[in-house]
Amino acid sequence: MHTPNPKIIFFDIDDTLYSTQEHRIAESTRAALKALNRQGIITAIATGRAPCLLPEVIRELIEETGIDMLVSINGQYVRHKGKTLAEFPLQQASVQEVITFLKQADVAYGLVSVEHFSVSCETEALLDAAGALKLPYRIAPDAYLHDPVYQIIGFYDEATEQSLNGNLPAGIKTVRWHPYGVDLLDECGSKARGIRVALDKLGLTMADAMAFGDGPNDIEMMKAVGFGVVMDNGHPDTKAVADFVCPSVTEDGIYRGLVSLGLIEEMPV
């Protein structure tokens, strides 16, 4: 393992910065991000969530620590200093094709835009998955007719997935994030693509970047950046491609990982 010397660090939100079990951000994490800033290391967010779905505690963290780069919706929408830097919405024809496909399978879906999360209907699968992350939504199955859609979420289990995946519309890939929640997005889309745009804006390269994450949607990011750190609570596939495994989100993982890697000094937290 080489010693990282990042100029910027991207942090995933759910079960990385933010414990979805405890619905909080550890004080040690806040202290760690501030310590990075004091050393001139830029802190940024790379999340599967849309801007409209950020937990209030994350909004507060952004304000408190001065984070001004947001790679959201799995890299499909990038915002810098409050302004759109890049966006990769799905073509409306692709959205319609995916919706038709999911309707035929009797699967509820959610349409992810920058300002809204619109769902087709309420099902037990949707309530379970959306409830796990406390995602606010509205029932508006035709929202794609007037809102750009960057990602679609299908609410179905792994048994259903086996029958669906071989018949997915062309150009669409899936990433599961919950037993009943699956992201459907452009096959070229990923956090890595969004991070490249962010780095170009800042005059940096992938070698200058480090990332913390935990889920399957972090795999491309881990492979792309100069140094990838996965939480101990992370998915086995993500751990397999990371450079370092830090303690879990409920065990001060970010702080302890940064201390172990020599990026910040140990401090009382």
Protein backbone atom coordinates (compact mmCIF):
# COMPACT_ATOMS: atom_id res chain seq x y z
CA MET A 1 0.00 0.00 0.00
CA HIS A 2 1.38 3.41 -0.96
CA THR A 3 0.97 6.40 1.33
CA PRO A 4 -1.71 8.79 0.03
CA ASN A 5 -1.00 12.47 -0.48
CA PRO A 6 -4.33 13.81 -1.71
CA LYS A 7 -5.21 17.35 -2.66
CA ILE A 8 -8.94 16.55 -2.50
CA ILE A 9 -11.01 13.85 -0.77
CA PHE A 10 -14.50 12.83 -1.91
CA PHE A 11 -16.84 11.37 0.70
CA ASP A 12 -19.90 9.23 0.12
CA ILE A 13 -22.84 10.06 2.39
CA ASP A 14 -24.87 7.02 3.46
CA ASP A 15 -23.00 4.78 5.90
CA THR A 16 -19.80 6.70 5.21
CA LEU A 17 -20.25 10.28 6.43
CA TYR A 18 -23.72 9.60 7.80
CA SER A 19 -24.91 6.58 9.78
CA THR A 20 -28.27 5.50 8.41
CA GLN A 21 -28.81 3.40 11.55
CA GLU A 22 -28.17 6.22 14.01
CA HIS A 23 -29.25 9.04 11.65
CA ARG A 24 -26.30 11.18 12.61
CA ILE A 25 -22.79 12.29 11.73
CA ALA A 26 -20.13 11.47 14.31
CA GLU A 27 -18.49 14.45 15.99
CA SER A 28 -15.16 12.87 15.11
CA THR A 29 -16.11 13.09 11.42
CA ARG A 30 -16.85 16.81 11.71
CA ALA A 31 -13.53 17.35 13.46
CA ALA A 32 -11.67 15.30 10.83
CA LEU A 33 -13.08 17.30 7.90
CA LYS A 34 -12.16 20.57 9.60
CA ALA A 35 -8.64 19.25 10.22
CA LEU A 36 -8.29 18.40 6.53
CA ASN A 37 -9.41 21.89 5.58
CA ARG A 38 -6.83 23.45 7.90
CA GLN A 39 -4.17 21.49 6.03
CA GLY A 40 -5.40 22.74 2.68
CA ILE A 41 -6.94 19.45 1.59
CA ILE A 42 -10.24 20.04 -0.21
CA THR A 43 -13.25 18.08 1.03
CA ALA A 44 -16.07 17.18 -1.38
CA ILE A 45 -19.12 14.91 -1.52
CA ALA A 46 -19.82 12.12 -4.02
CA THR A 47 -23.23 10.57 -3.40
CA GLY A 48 -26.01 8.62 -5.03
CA ARG A 49 -28.50 11.08 -3.54
CA ALA A 50 -29.94 14.02 -5.43
CA PRO A 51 -29.52 17.53 -4.00
CA CYS A 52 -33.17 17.47 -2.92
CA LEU A 53 -32.57 14.28 -0.92
CA LEU A 54 -29.64 15.40 1.22
CA PRO A 55 -30.31 14.87 4.95
CA GLU A 56 -30.50 18.09 6.95
CA VAL A 57 -27.41 17.09 8.96
CA ILE A 58 -25.45 16.82 5.69
CA ARG A 59 -26.61 20.29 4.64
CA GLU A 60 -25.42 21.56 7.99
CA LEU A 61 -22.07 19.79 7.55
CA ILE A 62 -21.64 21.36 4.10
CA GLU A 63 -22.24 24.80 5.57
CA GLU A 64 -20.08 24.16 8.63
CA THR A 65 -17.05 22.81 6.77
CA GLY A 66 -17.28 24.86 3.58
CA ILE A 67 -17.78 21.95 1.19
CA ASP A 68 -18.54 23.52 -2.19
CA MET A 69 -18.18 20.58 -4.59
CA LEU A 70 -21.12 18.16 -4.79
CA VAL A 71 -21.06 15.15 -7.11
CA SER A 72 -24.61 13.84 -6.83
CA ILE A 73 -27.00 11.28 -8.32
CA ASN A 74 -24.11 8.85 -8.86
CA GLY A 75 -22.19 11.42 -10.88
CA GLN A 76 -25.09 12.51 -13.09
CA TYR A 77 -25.29 16.02 -11.61
CA VAL A 78 -22.30 18.05 -10.41
CA ARG A 79 -22.63 21.35 -8.56
CA HIS A 80 -19.79 23.72 -7.61
CA LYS A 81 -20.29 26.70 -5.32
CA GLY A 82 -24.04 26.35 -5.72
CA LYS A 83 -23.98 26.40 -9.53
CA THR A 84 -24.43 23.56 -12.00
CA LEU A 85 -21.06 22.41 -13.30
CA ALA A 86 -22.20 19.40 -15.33
CA GLU A 87 -25.32 17.32 -15.82
CA PHE A 88 -26.10 14.08 -17.59
CA PRO A 89 -29.89 13.57 -17.68
CA LEU A 90 -31.38 10.50 -19.27
CA GLN A 91 -33.00 10.99 -22.64
CA GLN A 92 -36.78 11.19 -22.28
CA ALA A 93 -37.18 8.27 -24.68
CA SER A 94 -34.95 6.15 -22.42
CA VAL A 95 -36.97 7.17 -19.37
CA GLN A 96 -40.21 6.19 -21.08
CA GLU A 97 -38.71 2.86 -22.13
CA VAL A 98 -37.56 2.03 -18.59
CA ILE A 99 -40.90 3.07 -17.10
CA THR A 100 -42.78 0.86 -19.57
CA PHE A 101 -40.42 -2.01 -18.74
CA LEU A 102 -40.98 -1.62 -14.98
CA LYS A 103 -44.74 -1.23 -15.36
CA GLN A 104 -44.91 -4.47 -17.31
CA ALA A 105 -43.08 -6.18 -14.44
CA ASP A 106 -45.49 -4.58 -11.94
CA VAL A 107 -42.62 -2.74 -10.24
CA ALA A 108 -42.96 0.65 -8.55
CA TYR A 109 -40.42 3.25 -9.64
CA GLY A 110 -38.99 6.58 -8.59
CA LEU A 111 -37.82 9.39 -10.87
CA VAL A 112 -34.81 11.30 -9.57
CA SER A 113 -34.43 14.93 -10.58
CA VAL A 114 -32.46 17.73 -8.97
CA GLU A 115 -35.44 19.27 -7.19
CA HIS A 116 -37.85 16.35 -6.78
CA PHE A 117 -38.06 12.63 -6.11
CA SER A 118 -41.27 11.43 -7.75
CA VAL A 119 -42.65 7.91 -7.38
CA SER A 120 -45.23 5.97 -9.33
CA CYS A 121 -47.13 4.57 -6.35
CA GLU A 122 -46.60 3.31 -2.83
CA THR A 123 -45.77 -0.37 -2.39
CA GLU A 124 -44.28 -2.30 0.51
CA ALA A 125 -40.96 -2.48 -1.32
CA LEU A 126 -40.91 1.28 -1.89
CA LEU A 127 -41.86 2.06 1.70
CA ASP A 128 -39.14 -0.26 2.98
CA ALA A 129 -36.34 1.12 0.77
CA ALA A 130 -37.29 4.80 0.89
CA GLY A 131 -37.97 4.53 4.60
CA ALA A 132 -34.50 3.11 5.29
CA LEU A 133 -32.91 6.36 4.06
CA LYS A 134 -35.83 8.59 5.05
CA LEU A 135 -36.24 9.74 1.44
CA PRO A 136 -39.03 12.30 1.01
CA TYR A 137 -41.10 11.74 -2.12
CA ARG A 138 -44.21 12.80 -3.98
CA ILE A 139 -46.51 10.60 -6.04
CA ALA A 140 -46.11 11.85 -9.61
CA PRO A 141 -45.61 8.98 -12.08
CA ASP A 142 -45.45 11.32 -15.09
CA ALA A 143 -42.96 13.81 -13.64
CA TYR A 144 -40.53 12.98 -16.45
CA LEU A 145 -42.75 14.92 -18.85
CA HIS A 146 -41.65 18.22 -17.29
CA ASP A 147 -38.61 17.44 -15.08
CA PRO A 148 -35.25 16.17 -16.39
CA VAL A 149 -34.64 12.70 -14.95
CA TYR A 150 -31.07 11.75 -14.06
CA GLN A 151 -31.71 8.33 -12.56
CA ILE A 152 -34.59 5.94 -11.99
CA ILE A 153 -35.03 3.79 -8.91
CA GLY A 154 -36.78 0.45 -9.16
CA PHE A 155 -38.25 -1.02 -6.00
CA TYR A 156 -37.90 -4.79 -6.26
CA ASP A 157 -36.12 -7.69 -4.58
CA GLU A 158 -33.22 -9.83 -5.79
CA ALA A 159 -35.51 -12.63 -6.98
CA THR A 160 -37.30 -10.18 -9.28
CA GLU A 161 -33.95 -8.75 -10.36
CA GLN A 162 -32.85 -12.09 -11.78
CA SER A 163 -35.81 -12.13 -14.13
CA LEU A 164 -35.47 -8.45 -15.11
CA ASN A 165 -31.77 -7.92 -15.75
CA GLY A 166 -31.55 -9.92 -18.95
CA ASN A 167 -34.31 -7.80 -20.45
CA LEU A 168 -33.26 -4.30 -19.41
CA PRO A 169 -33.55 -1.57 -22.07
CA ALA A 170 -30.32 -0.99 -23.98
CA GLY A 171 -27.89 1.49 -22.47
CA ILE A 172 -29.15 1.08 -18.88
CA LYS A 173 -27.25 -0.45 -15.96
CA THR A 174 -28.35 -1.27 -12.43
CA VAL A 175 -26.76 -0.85 -9.01
CA ARG A 176 -28.48 -2.29 -5.95
CA TRP A 177 -28.32 -0.23 -2.72
CA HIS A 178 -31.05 -1.90 -0.64
CA PRO A 179 -32.79 -5.30 -0.58
CA TYR A 180 -35.71 -3.53 -2.32
CA GLY A 181 -33.94 -0.59 -3.98
CA VAL A 182 -32.07 -0.53 -7.32
CA ASP A 183 -30.65 2.47 -9.19
CA LEU A 184 -31.15 2.38 -12.96
CA LEU A 185 -28.91 4.81 -14.81
CA ASP A 186 -27.03 5.40 -18.03
CA GLU A 187 -24.45 2.66 -18.61
CA CYS A 188 -21.73 5.32 -18.86
CA GLY A 189 -22.80 7.01 -15.65
CA SER A 190 -20.91 6.71 -12.36
CA LYS A 191 -19.47 8.75 -9.53
CA ALA A 192 -16.13 8.46 -11.35
CA ARG A 193 -17.48 10.38 -14.34
CA GLY A 194 -18.78 13.15 -12.10
CA ILE A 195 -15.50 13.29 -10.19
CA ARG A 196 -13.55 13.72 -13.44
CA VAL A 197 -15.65 16.79 -14.24
CA ALA A 198 -15.09 18.15 -10.74
CA LEU A 199 -11.34 17.62 -10.91
CA ASP A 200 -11.11 19.26 -14.35
CA LYS A 201 -12.81 22.34 -12.88
CA LEU A 202 -10.25 22.48 -10.07
CA GLY A 203 -7.26 21.78 -12.30
CA LEU A 204 -6.59 18.45 -10.58
CA THR A 205 -6.20 14.85 -11.75
CA MET A 206 -7.45 11.51 -10.49
CA ALA A 207 -4.02 10.93 -8.96
CA ASP A 208 -4.65 13.97 -6.73
CA ALA A 209 -7.92 12.53 -5.45
CA MET A 210 -8.86 10.18 -2.64
CA ALA A 211 -12.30 8.81 -1.81
CA PHE A 212 -14.20 7.21 1.06
CA GLY A 213 -17.20 4.99 0.36
CA ASP A 214 -18.99 1.76 1.20
CA GLY A 215 -21.43 0.58 -1.45
CA PRO A 216 -21.43 -1.03 -4.90
CA ASN A 217 -22.04 2.41 -6.45
CA ASP A 218 -18.61 3.42 -5.11
CA ILE A 219 -16.67 0.75 -7.01
CA GLU A 220 -15.91 2.85 -10.12
CA MET A 221 -14.91 5.73 -7.85
CA MET A 222 -12.54 3.51 -5.86
CA LYS A 223 -10.90 2.26 -9.05
CA ALA A 224 -10.56 5.74 -10.57
CA VAL A 225 -9.09 7.86 -7.78
CA GLY A 226 -5.50 7.79 -6.62
CA PHE A 227 -6.40 6.15 -3.30
CA GLY A 228 -9.69 4.52 -2.27
CA VAL A 229 -10.83 3.89 1.31
CA VAL A 230 -13.79 1.66 2.11
CA MET A 231 -15.64 1.54 5.41
CA ASP A 232 -15.49 -1.73 7.35
CA ASN A 233 -19.30 -1.83 7.04
CA GLY A 234 -18.91 -1.69 3.26
CA HIS A 235 -19.89 -4.19 0.59
CA PRO A 236 -17.40 -7.04 -0.08
CA ASP A 237 -17.12 -6.07 -3.75
CA THR A 238 -16.18 -2.52 -2.79
CA LYS A 239 -13.64 -3.74 -0.25
CA ALA A 240 -12.06 -5.87 -2.96
CA VAL A 241 -11.08 -2.83 -5.06
CA ALA A 242 -10.18 -0.39 -2.27
CA ASP A 243 -6.64 0.45 -1.19
CA PHE A 244 -7.49 0.58 2.52
CA VAL A 245 -10.28 -0.53 4.87
CA CYS A 246 -11.04 1.82 7.76
CA PRO A 247 -13.30 1.15 10.77
CA SER A 248 -17.06 1.28 10.32
CA VAL A 249 -19.18 4.43 10.22
CA THR A 250 -20.40 3.77 13.78
CA GLU A 251 -16.82 3.41 15.03
CA ASP A 252 -15.42 6.82 14.01
CA GLY A 253 -14.26 5.27 10.75
CA ILE A 254 -13.41 8.41 8.81
CA TYR A 255 -11.46 9.99 11.66
CA ARG A 256 -9.61 6.80 12.55
CA GLY A 257 -8.87 6.03 8.92
CA LEU A 258 -7.41 9.48 8.28
CA VAL A 259 -5.27 9.21 11.44
CA SER A 260 -4.03 5.75 10.46
CA LEU A 261 -3.08 7.03 7.01
CA GLY A 262 -1.19 9.96 8.50
CA LEU A 263 -3.40 12.61 6.95
CA ILE A 264 -4.53 14.18 10.22
CA GLU A 265 -3.14 14.09 13.73
CA GLU A 266 -4.85 12.27 16.56
CA MET A 267 -7.00 14.61 18.63
CA PRO A 268 -9.59 14.44 21.41
CA VAL A 269 -13.04 13.86 19.89
